[in-house]
């Protein structure tokens, strides 16, 4: 089976990041990895992405 990486660039998308990530995982082909690349968001985008993945500590997002 092919491995699929999904890269999501974001900046100040706190209200939409959960919906975006959920849509990725709702696809028939599940991703091998999801990389969220943040562009210095100040609205809680990173925190919302961490909550989605259940990451409580330090992580590269």
Protein backbone atom coordinates (compact mmCIF):
# COMPACT_ATOMS: atom_id res chain seq x y z
CA UNK A 1 0.00 0.00 0.00
CA UNK A 2 1.21 3.50 -0.81
CA UNK A 3 2.12 5.85 2.00
CA UNK A 4 0.49 9.26 1.77
CA UNK A 5 1.81 12.40 3.45
CA UNK A 6 -0.46 15.40 3.81
CA UNK A 7 1.11 18.81 4.36
CA UNK A 8 -1.20 21.59 5.53
CA UNK A 9 0.19 25.14 5.58
CA UNK A 10 -1.76 27.37 7.98
CA UNK A 11 -1.78 30.86 9.40
CA UNK A 12 -4.51 32.07 11.75
CA UNK A 13 -6.93 29.25 10.93
CA UNK A 14 -8.00 28.38 14.49
CA UNK A 15 -11.67 28.19 13.51
CA UNK A 16 -11.07 25.91 10.51
CA UNK A 17 -8.13 23.64 11.43
CA UNK A 18 -10.24 20.98 13.18
CA UNK A 19 -12.61 20.72 10.20
CA UNK A 20 -9.66 20.53 7.82
CA UNK A 21 -7.94 17.77 9.79
CA UNK A 22 -11.18 15.83 10.19
CA UNK A 23 -11.73 15.97 6.42
CA UNK A 24 -8.24 14.54 5.85
CA UNK A 25 -8.93 11.59 8.15
CA UNK A 26 -12.39 10.99 6.66
CA UNK A 27 -10.89 10.10 3.28
CA UNK A 28 -10.98 6.50 2.04
CA UNK A 29 -7.17 6.44 1.89
CA UNK A 30 -5.81 7.24 5.34
CA UNK A 31 -2.64 9.34 5.48
CA UNK A 32 0.63 7.88 6.71
CA UNK A 33 1.49 11.25 8.22
CA UNK A 34 -0.05 14.69 8.52
CA UNK A 35 2.26 17.68 8.78
CA UNK A 36 0.79 21.01 9.87
CA UNK A 37 3.11 23.90 8.98
CA UNK A 38 2.21 27.02 10.93
CA UNK A 39 3.15 30.50 9.73
CA UNK A 40 3.31 32.32 13.09
CA UNK A 41 -0.41 32.14 13.92
CA UNK A 42 -1.59 34.26 16.83
CA UNK A 43 -5.18 33.03 17.07
CA UNK A 44 -4.81 29.56 18.62
CA UNK A 45 -4.32 27.55 15.43
CA UNK A 46 -1.41 25.55 16.87
CA UNK A 47 -3.25 24.84 20.12
CA UNK A 48 -6.31 23.60 18.21
CA UNK A 49 -4.18 21.32 16.04
CA UNK A 50 -2.49 19.93 19.15
CA UNK A 51 -5.89 19.26 20.73
CA UNK A 52 -7.01 17.40 17.61
CA UNK A 53 -3.99 15.11 17.77
CA UNK A 54 -4.03 14.86 21.56
CA UNK A 55 -0.58 16.39 21.89
CA UNK A 56 -0.04 17.93 25.29
CA UNK A 57 3.70 18.50 25.29
CA UNK A 58 6.23 19.94 22.93
CA UNK A 59 5.73 18.89 19.32
CA UNK A 60 6.75 20.10 15.93
CA UNK A 61 3.63 21.40 14.26
